[in-house]
Protein backbone atom coordinates (compact mmCIF):
# COMPACT_ATOMS: atom_id res chain seq x y z
CA MET A 1 0.00 -0.07 -0.02
CA PRO A 2 1.38 3.26 -0.87
CA SER A 3 2.40 5.60 1.86
CA LYS A 4 0.68 8.93 2.95
CA LYS A 5 1.77 11.61 4.92
CA ALA A 6 -0.11 14.27 6.55
CA LEU A 7 1.73 17.48 7.78
CA VAL A 8 0.31 18.64 11.13
CA ARG A 9 1.05 21.33 13.68
CA ARG A 10 0.40 21.61 17.33
CA PRO A 11 -1.99 24.61 18.32
CA SER A 12 -0.05 27.71 19.61
CA PRO A 13 -0.84 28.98 23.53
CA ARG A 14 -2.16 31.92 21.74
CA LEU A 15 -4.84 29.86 19.64
CA ALA A 16 -7.66 31.99 21.22
CA GLU A 17 -6.29 35.15 19.45
CA GLY A 18 -6.88 33.65 16.15
CA LEU A 19 -8.40 35.86 13.39
CA VAL A 20 -12.10 35.47 12.64
CA THR A 21 -13.97 37.11 10.02
CA HIS A 22 -17.32 35.76 8.93
CA ILE A 23 -18.56 34.54 12.36
CA GLU A 24 -18.86 36.02 15.79
CA ARG A 25 -16.02 35.43 18.08
CA GLU A 26 -16.51 33.01 21.04
CA LYS A 27 -14.22 32.45 23.73
CA VAL A 28 -11.91 29.37 22.64
CA ASP A 29 -10.77 26.73 25.31
CA VAL A 30 -7.07 26.27 24.19
CA ASP A 31 -6.61 23.29 26.77
CA LEU A 32 -9.60 21.48 24.94
CA ALA A 33 -8.59 22.55 21.41
CA VAL A 34 -5.11 20.59 22.02
CA GLU A 35 -7.11 17.51 23.15
CA GLN A 36 -9.14 17.58 19.98
CA TRP A 37 -6.10 18.36 17.92
CA GLU A 38 -4.36 15.24 19.16
CA ALA A 39 -7.55 13.30 18.70
CA TYR A 40 -7.48 14.60 15.05
CA VAL A 41 -4.03 13.24 14.57
CA ALA A 42 -4.92 10.01 16.24
CA ALA A 43 -7.60 9.42 13.97
CA LEU A 44 -5.29 10.10 10.59
CA ARG A 45 -2.72 7.47 11.96
CA THR A 46 -5.59 5.05 12.83
CA HIS A 47 -6.44 5.10 9.14
CA GLY A 48 -3.05 4.86 7.47
CA TRP A 49 -1.40 8.07 7.56
CA GLU A 50 1.80 9.14 8.82
CA THR A 51 1.85 12.20 10.30
CA VAL A 52 4.81 14.75 10.13
CA GLU A 53 4.99 17.20 12.81
CA VAL A 54 5.91 20.87 11.90
CA ASP A 55 7.70 22.67 14.23
CA PRO A 56 5.45 24.79 16.43
CA ALA A 57 4.85 28.41 15.87
CA ASP A 58 3.78 29.47 19.24
CA ASP A 59 3.93 33.37 18.16
CA CYS A 60 1.23 32.96 15.29
CA PRO A 61 -2.14 32.16 16.44
CA ASP A 62 -3.44 30.55 13.44
CA SER A 63 -0.60 28.44 12.82
CA VAL A 64 -2.73 25.21 13.74
CA PHE A 65 -4.33 25.77 10.31
CA VAL A 66 -1.32 24.51 8.55
CA GLU A 67 -3.28 23.77 5.20
CA ASP A 68 -3.08 27.33 4.64
CA THR A 69 0.53 27.28 4.13
CA ALA A 70 1.30 25.10 1.31
CA VAL A 71 -0.51 23.34 -1.41
CA MET A 72 0.61 19.96 -2.66
CA TYR A 73 0.15 18.66 -6.42
CA LYS A 74 2.18 15.73 -7.59
CA ASN A 75 5.66 16.27 -6.14
CA VAL A 76 5.25 19.93 -5.92
CA ALA A 77 5.01 21.92 -2.81
CA LEU A 78 3.69 25.47 -3.27
CA ILE A 79 4.80 27.64 -0.46
CA THR A 80 1.75 30.03 0.10
CA ARG A 81 1.89 33.91 0.70
CA PRO A 82 -1.11 34.15 3.19
CA GLY A 83 -3.62 36.63 2.35
CA ALA A 84 -3.65 37.81 6.15
CA GLU A 85 -0.04 39.83 6.88
CA SER A 86 -0.16 38.32 10.52
CA ARG A 87 0.05 34.89 9.04
CA ARG A 88 2.88 34.77 6.74
CA ALA A 89 5.38 34.07 9.38
CA GLU A 90 3.79 30.38 9.47
CA THR A 91 5.63 29.49 6.23
CA ILE A 92 8.98 28.88 7.33
CA GLY A 93 8.67 25.73 9.34
CA VAL A 94 6.36 24.35 6.46
CA GLU A 95 9.24 24.95 3.93
CA GLU A 96 11.64 23.25 5.89
CA ALA A 97 9.14 20.52 6.68
CA VAL A 98 8.22 19.51 2.86
CA ALA A 99 11.83 20.24 1.69
CA SER A 100 13.09 17.36 4.28
CA LEU A 101 10.45 15.02 2.84
CA GLY A 102 11.99 15.48 -0.83
CA CYS A 103 9.62 17.83 -2.25
CA SER A 104 10.24 20.24 -5.22
CA VAL A 105 9.40 23.51 -3.57
CA ASN A 106 7.96 26.68 -5.29
CA TRP A 107 6.72 29.59 -3.66
CA ILE A 108 4.01 32.47 -4.23
CA TRP A 109 5.67 35.85 -4.44
CA GLU A 110 4.55 39.55 -3.87
CA PRO A 111 2.21 40.77 -4.95
CA GLY A 112 0.44 37.40 -4.88
CA THR A 113 -1.40 36.25 -2.01
CA LEU A 114 -2.53 32.53 -1.67
CA ASP A 115 -4.15 30.48 1.25
CA GLY A 116 -4.22 26.88 1.29
CA GLY A 117 -7.76 26.78 2.27
CA ASP A 118 -8.63 28.10 -0.93
CA VAL A 119 -7.71 25.40 -2.98
CA LEU A 120 -9.81 22.31 -3.73
CA LYS A 121 -8.14 19.33 -6.03
CA VAL A 122 -10.44 16.94 -7.45
CA GLY A 123 -8.38 14.65 -9.53
CA ASP A 124 -6.32 17.00 -12.05
CA THR A 125 -8.85 19.70 -11.53
CA ILE A 126 -7.64 22.31 -9.37
CA TYR A 127 -10.45 24.85 -7.94
CA VAL A 128 -9.14 28.05 -6.57
CA GLY A 129 -11.14 30.51 -4.43
CA ARG A 130 -10.56 34.39 -5.34
CA GLY A 131 -11.58 35.93 -2.30
CA GLY A 132 -10.40 37.95 0.88
CA ARG A 133 -7.33 35.90 1.24
CA THR A 134 -6.38 34.83 -2.31
CA ASN A 135 -5.71 37.57 -4.87
CA ALA A 136 -5.86 37.61 -8.72
CA ALA A 137 -1.91 37.45 -8.81
CA GLY A 138 -1.77 34.46 -6.41
CA VAL A 139 -4.31 32.26 -8.78
CA GLN A 140 -1.99 33.40 -11.96
CA GLN A 141 1.07 32.07 -9.95
CA LEU A 142 -0.71 29.15 -9.09
CA ARG A 143 -1.54 28.27 -12.59
CA ALA A 144 1.96 28.94 -13.57
CA ALA A 145 3.01 26.61 -11.05
CA PHE A 146 0.70 23.59 -11.81
CA GLU A 147 -0.53 23.60 -15.24
CA PRO A 148 2.78 22.56 -16.79
CA LEU A 149 2.40 19.38 -14.48
CA GLY A 150 -1.03 18.57 -15.85
CA ALA A 151 -3.43 20.58 -13.87
CA ARG A 152 -6.37 22.29 -14.80
CA ILE A 153 -6.73 25.39 -12.81
CA VAL A 154 -10.71 26.73 -12.55
CA ALA A 155 -10.62 30.06 -10.51
CA VAL A 156 -14.07 30.56 -8.04
CA PRO A 157 -15.32 33.80 -6.91
CA VAL A 158 -15.58 33.53 -2.77
CA SER A 159 -17.16 36.26 -1.27
CA LYS A 160 -19.63 34.73 1.29
CA VAL A 161 -17.16 32.62 3.48
CA LEU A 162 -13.30 32.88 4.52
CA HIS A 163 -11.88 30.28 1.96
CA LEU A 164 -13.27 28.07 -0.75
CA LYS A 165 -12.96 25.05 1.52
CA SER A 166 -15.01 26.91 4.17
CA ALA A 167 -17.90 25.93 1.50
CA ILE A 168 -16.94 22.97 -0.26
CA THR A 169 -15.00 19.76 -0.55
CA ALA A 170 -15.34 16.77 -2.46
CA LEU A 171 -16.07 12.84 -2.16
CA PRO A 172 -13.87 10.37 -3.64
CA ASP A 173 -15.82 10.50 -6.96
CA GLY A 174 -15.48 14.07 -7.36
CA THR A 175 -18.87 14.89 -6.29
CA ILE A 176 -18.80 18.40 -4.59
CA LEU A 177 -20.40 18.77 -1.17
CA GLY A 178 -21.33 21.84 0.10
CA ARG A 179 -24.15 24.49 1.07
CA ILE A 180 -25.50 26.42 -1.83
CA PRO A 181 -26.27 29.81 0.14
CA GLN A 182 -22.59 29.88 0.67
CA LEU A 183 -21.34 29.69 -2.98
CA ASP A 184 -21.16 32.74 -5.25
CA VAL A 185 -21.42 30.56 -8.47
CA PRO A 186 -22.71 26.97 -7.78
CA SER A 187 -22.90 26.07 -11.64
CA LEU A 188 -19.10 25.95 -11.82
CA PHE A 189 -19.47 22.56 -10.21
CA PRO A 190 -20.46 19.66 -12.54
CA ARG A 191 -21.87 17.19 -9.57
CA PHE A 192 -23.03 18.83 -6.58
CA LEU A 193 -24.70 17.01 -3.30
CA PRO A 194 -26.23 19.68 -0.91
CA VAL A 195 -25.76 18.92 2.82
CA PRO A 196 -27.93 19.66 5.74
CA GLU A 197 -25.30 21.28 7.92
CA GLU A 198 -22.53 24.01 7.08
CA SER A 199 -19.74 21.86 8.89
CA GLY A 200 -20.93 18.88 6.59
CA ALA A 201 -19.42 20.49 3.54
CA HIS A 202 -15.90 19.51 5.14
CA VAL A 203 -14.50 15.92 4.39
CA VAL A 204 -10.87 14.56 4.33
CA LEU A 205 -10.54 11.70 2.01
CA LEU A 206 -8.78 9.01 4.39
CA GLY A 207 -8.71 6.35 1.98
CA GLY A 208 -11.25 4.17 0.40
CA ASP A 209 -15.05 5.06 1.70
CA LYS A 210 -13.85 6.39 4.78
CA LEU A 211 -14.38 10.05 5.18
CA LEU A 212 -12.98 12.35 8.27
CA MET A 213 -15.77 14.83 9.35
CA ALA A 214 -16.80 16.95 12.29
CA ALA A 215 -18.95 15.76 14.86
CA SER A 216 -20.83 18.92 14.60
CA ALA A 217 -22.72 17.82 11.42
CA PRO A 218 -24.57 14.52 12.20
CA LYS A 219 -27.34 14.74 9.86
CA THR A 220 -24.80 15.08 6.91
CA ALA A 221 -22.79 11.91 8.66
CA ASP A 222 -26.11 9.84 8.36
CA LEU A 223 -26.45 11.14 4.63
CA LEU A 224 -23.07 10.13 3.69
CA ALA A 225 -23.33 6.72 5.55
CA ASP A 226 -26.60 6.15 3.64
CA LEU A 227 -24.80 6.64 0.34
CA GLY A 228 -22.27 3.82 1.36
CA HIS A 229 -19.40 6.14 2.76
CA GLU A 230 -17.91 5.41 6.19
CA PRO A 231 -17.96 8.67 8.30
CA VAL A 232 -15.01 9.07 11.02
CA VAL A 233 -16.16 11.77 13.12
CA VAL A 234 -13.89 13.92 15.33
CA ASP A 235 -14.80 16.81 17.33
CA ILE A 236 -13.10 19.96 16.58
CA SER A 237 -15.78 22.36 18.33
CA GLU A 238 -12.90 24.74 19.28
CA PHE A 239 -11.47 25.22 15.82
CA GLU A 240 -14.74 25.64 14.30
CA LYS A 241 -15.03 28.83 16.79
CA LEU A 242 -12.15 30.17 14.40
CA GLU A 243 -13.50 29.48 10.99
CA GLY A 244 -11.59 26.35 11.06
CA CYS A 245 -12.70 22.68 9.75
CA VAL A 246 -11.29 19.21 9.28
CA THR A 247 -9.39 19.75 6.19
CA CYS A 248 -7.63 23.01 7.46
CA LEU A 249 -5.71 21.17 10.24
CA SER A 250 -3.47 19.19 7.94
CA VAL A 251 -1.65 19.20 4.57
CA ARG A 252 -2.23 15.64 2.88
CA MET A 253 0.40 14.55 0.89
CA ARG A 254 -0.97 11.61 -1.07
CA GLU A 255 0.39 12.64 -4.36
CA LEU A 256 3.83 12.23 -3.70
CA TYR A 257 3.33 8.37 -2.87
CA ALA A 258 0.35 7.29 -4.95
């Protein structure tokens, strides 16, 4: 069986200071968040993923959301330039981690901005959200990095949520999961399955029919189970208070090894 690796990063002690843009701020229990993060990492390991822990970035409140700092396609790691200036220091440790794994490393350069949470890969199609954190120059640089490798880049307007993957993810067969009210242009997606809860739009493909998803979406878990999938449920309530979801907490690197 091919190896699957996932980059993860321990929550900062300053997690409660993390950015909030589209929801009301709530008090975050950092100790509980650490417990939830450890359970999330354990779920990845249980289902065949080798986790690689990036050096902590304790001065960066949002650093646990490691997905925003790098985008993987085949053997290339594109180190992002986050749209929030306060998050740009997070990329240093991630660059070191992906380089140590033998990835070819590219970068988003000024004036481009790109958050990994705006990038959804479905086979060789890469949807990239153009919104508050990812600008047109970032989309252009992503296209320049990955189109020569065989990717098809589809730019998607994003104005109603923080990131594209705040609104959608995809099932193993490429069907897009999401909530139509959160999408600017739903018609961009050829196969679409509406879900009953906002957090139900977020799944991580663990392999086979297994889907990692949040405990806050029980109706969606039932729907997906009825369609033949196997939900693997984790509680990430403290990260959801900061607009986080199951995809945000890791960078999955199956492309390197498949």
